[in-house]
Amino acid sequence: MEIKLYPPNKQGTGQFDNGKITEQKPIGFPGEGSEVMRVGPLFYWAWAKADKVGYIPKHPHQGFEIITYVVSGKAEHGDSLGTKSVVGPGGIQVMQTGSGVWHEEGFVGPNMEGFQI
């Protein structure tokens, strides 16, 4: 068995809405700065935080599932299929993107914290 450690400086980072949402990406997409690109079937894992309210505008996904887990605050979701949802602390949203969907997200604080896989 081999165990590898990846401190924060070996992980990717990002931000949305002029820094209102910040991310640390233990597993990131190519070009996002993480040394880990894939672990088995996992190809993305982000830890996001928003002190108040931050939004990610509409963007497309296709052919995979996205799981959002909210630690504190809430995550708002709207998509091109007409789905609107709000997830609170301890809640999980699973989005199956199939042949394609556009969606937007709001991370609402105070002190919103959550994971996306």
Protein backbone atom coordinates (compact mmCIF):
# COMPACT_ATOMS: atom_id res chain seq x y z
CA MET A 1 0.00 0.00 0.00
CA GLU A 2 1.19 3.50 -0.79
CA ILE A 3 -0.03 6.68 0.89
CA LYS A 4 0.65 10.09 -0.67
CA LEU A 5 0.03 13.42 1.01
CA TYR A 6 -0.84 16.58 -0.93
CA PRO A 7 -0.64 19.77 1.17
CA PRO A 8 -2.66 22.84 0.09
CA ASN A 9 0.21 24.20 -2.03
CA LYS A 10 -0.03 21.05 -4.22
CA GLN A 11 -3.79 21.50 -4.75
CA GLY A 12 -5.58 23.73 -7.22
CA THR A 13 -7.40 26.90 -6.26
CA GLY A 14 -10.05 29.01 -7.90
CA GLN A 15 -12.60 31.75 -7.35
CA PHE A 16 -15.92 32.94 -8.74
CA ASP A 17 -17.91 36.16 -8.60
CA ASN A 18 -14.85 38.37 -8.11
CA GLY A 19 -13.60 36.28 -5.19
CA LYS A 20 -16.90 36.00 -3.31
CA ILE A 21 -16.61 32.21 -3.72
CA THR A 22 -13.19 30.63 -3.20
CA GLU A 23 -12.25 27.03 -3.92
CA GLN A 24 -9.53 24.62 -2.97
CA LYS A 25 -9.35 21.65 -5.36
CA PRO A 26 -7.70 18.49 -4.01
CA ILE A 27 -8.60 16.85 -7.36
CA GLY A 28 -8.79 19.36 -10.20
CA PHE A 29 -9.31 19.61 -13.91
CA PRO A 30 -6.16 19.88 -16.06
CA GLY A 31 -4.63 23.34 -15.86
CA GLU A 32 -6.14 24.19 -12.45
CA GLY A 33 -2.93 23.61 -10.48
CA SER A 34 -3.67 20.38 -8.61
CA GLU A 35 -1.06 17.62 -8.73
CA VAL A 36 -3.91 15.08 -8.53
CA MET A 37 -5.98 14.81 -11.73
CA ARG A 38 -7.89 11.61 -11.01
CA VAL A 39 -8.39 9.03 -8.26
CA GLY A 40 -10.20 6.01 -9.68
CA PRO A 41 -13.46 7.34 -11.15
CA LEU A 42 -13.15 10.71 -9.33
CA PHE A 43 -11.88 13.49 -11.57
CA TYR A 44 -12.97 16.54 -9.55
CA TRP A 45 -13.29 17.46 -5.89
CA ALA A 46 -13.62 21.05 -4.71
CA TRP A 47 -14.07 22.59 -1.28
CA ALA A 48 -15.84 25.94 -1.67
CA LYS A 49 -16.47 28.79 0.77
CA ALA A 50 -18.44 32.04 0.62
CA ASP A 51 -18.50 34.54 3.48
CA LYS A 52 -21.77 36.10 2.29
CA VAL A 53 -23.36 35.44 -1.13
CA GLY A 54 -21.62 34.47 -4.35
CA TYR A 55 -22.92 33.26 -7.71
CA ILE A 56 -21.56 31.07 -10.49
CA PRO A 57 -23.26 31.98 -13.80
CA LYS A 58 -24.83 29.46 -16.19
CA HIS A 59 -22.36 26.92 -17.53
CA PRO A 60 -22.70 23.52 -19.26
CA HIS A 61 -22.03 19.97 -18.06
CA GLN A 62 -22.48 16.70 -19.94
CA GLY A 63 -21.98 13.00 -19.28
CA PHE A 64 -21.27 12.85 -15.53
CA GLU A 65 -22.83 13.30 -12.10
CA ILE A 66 -22.11 16.19 -9.75
CA ILE A 67 -22.65 15.77 -6.02
CA THR A 68 -22.90 18.89 -3.86
CA TYR A 69 -22.69 18.49 -0.07
CA VAL A 70 -23.39 21.55 2.10
CA VAL A 71 -21.55 21.86 5.44
CA SER A 72 -22.96 25.29 6.41
CA GLY A 73 -25.03 28.00 4.73
CA LYS A 74 -26.94 26.94 1.62
CA ALA A 75 -26.43 26.17 -2.06
CA GLU A 76 -29.00 27.34 -4.61
CA HIS A 77 -29.36 25.65 -8.00
CA GLY A 78 -31.21 26.45 -11.23
CA ASP A 79 -30.88 24.68 -14.58
CA SER A 80 -31.99 24.59 -18.21
CA LEU A 81 -34.51 21.83 -17.41
CA GLY A 82 -36.42 24.19 -15.09
CA THR A 83 -35.18 22.61 -11.86
CA LYS A 84 -34.73 24.96 -8.91
CA SER A 85 -33.51 23.74 -5.53
CA VAL A 86 -31.94 24.88 -2.28
CA VAL A 87 -29.71 22.61 -0.19
CA GLY A 88 -28.99 23.38 3.47
CA PRO A 89 -26.46 22.08 6.02
CA GLY A 90 -26.03 18.30 5.83
CA GLY A 91 -27.99 18.13 2.57
CA ILE A 92 -26.85 16.61 -0.70
CA GLN A 93 -27.84 17.42 -4.27
CA VAL A 94 -27.06 14.93 -7.05
CA MET A 95 -27.21 16.26 -10.61
CA GLN A 96 -27.09 13.75 -13.46
CA THR A 97 -26.08 15.69 -16.54
CA GLY A 98 -26.74 12.99 -19.16
CA SER A 99 -26.74 14.41 -22.69
CA GLY A 100 -26.20 17.91 -21.33
CA VAL A 101 -27.57 20.62 -19.06
CA TRP A 102 -26.77 24.25 -18.30
CA HIS A 103 -26.93 25.28 -14.65
CA GLU A 104 -26.11 28.13 -12.29
CA GLU A 105 -25.33 28.10 -8.59
CA GLY A 106 -25.53 30.45 -5.66
CA PHE A 107 -23.48 29.88 -2.52
CA VAL A 108 -25.22 31.73 0.29
CA GLY A 109 -23.71 32.52 3.69
CA PRO A 110 -23.03 33.69 6.18
CA ASN A 111 -20.04 31.37 6.16
CA MET A 112 -21.23 28.98 3.45
CA GLU A 113 -19.02 25.93 3.11
CA GLY A 114 -19.51 22.89 0.89
CA PHE A 115 -17.94 20.24 -1.30
CA GLN A 116 -18.51 19.27 -4.92
CA ILE A 117 -17.45 15.93 -6.27
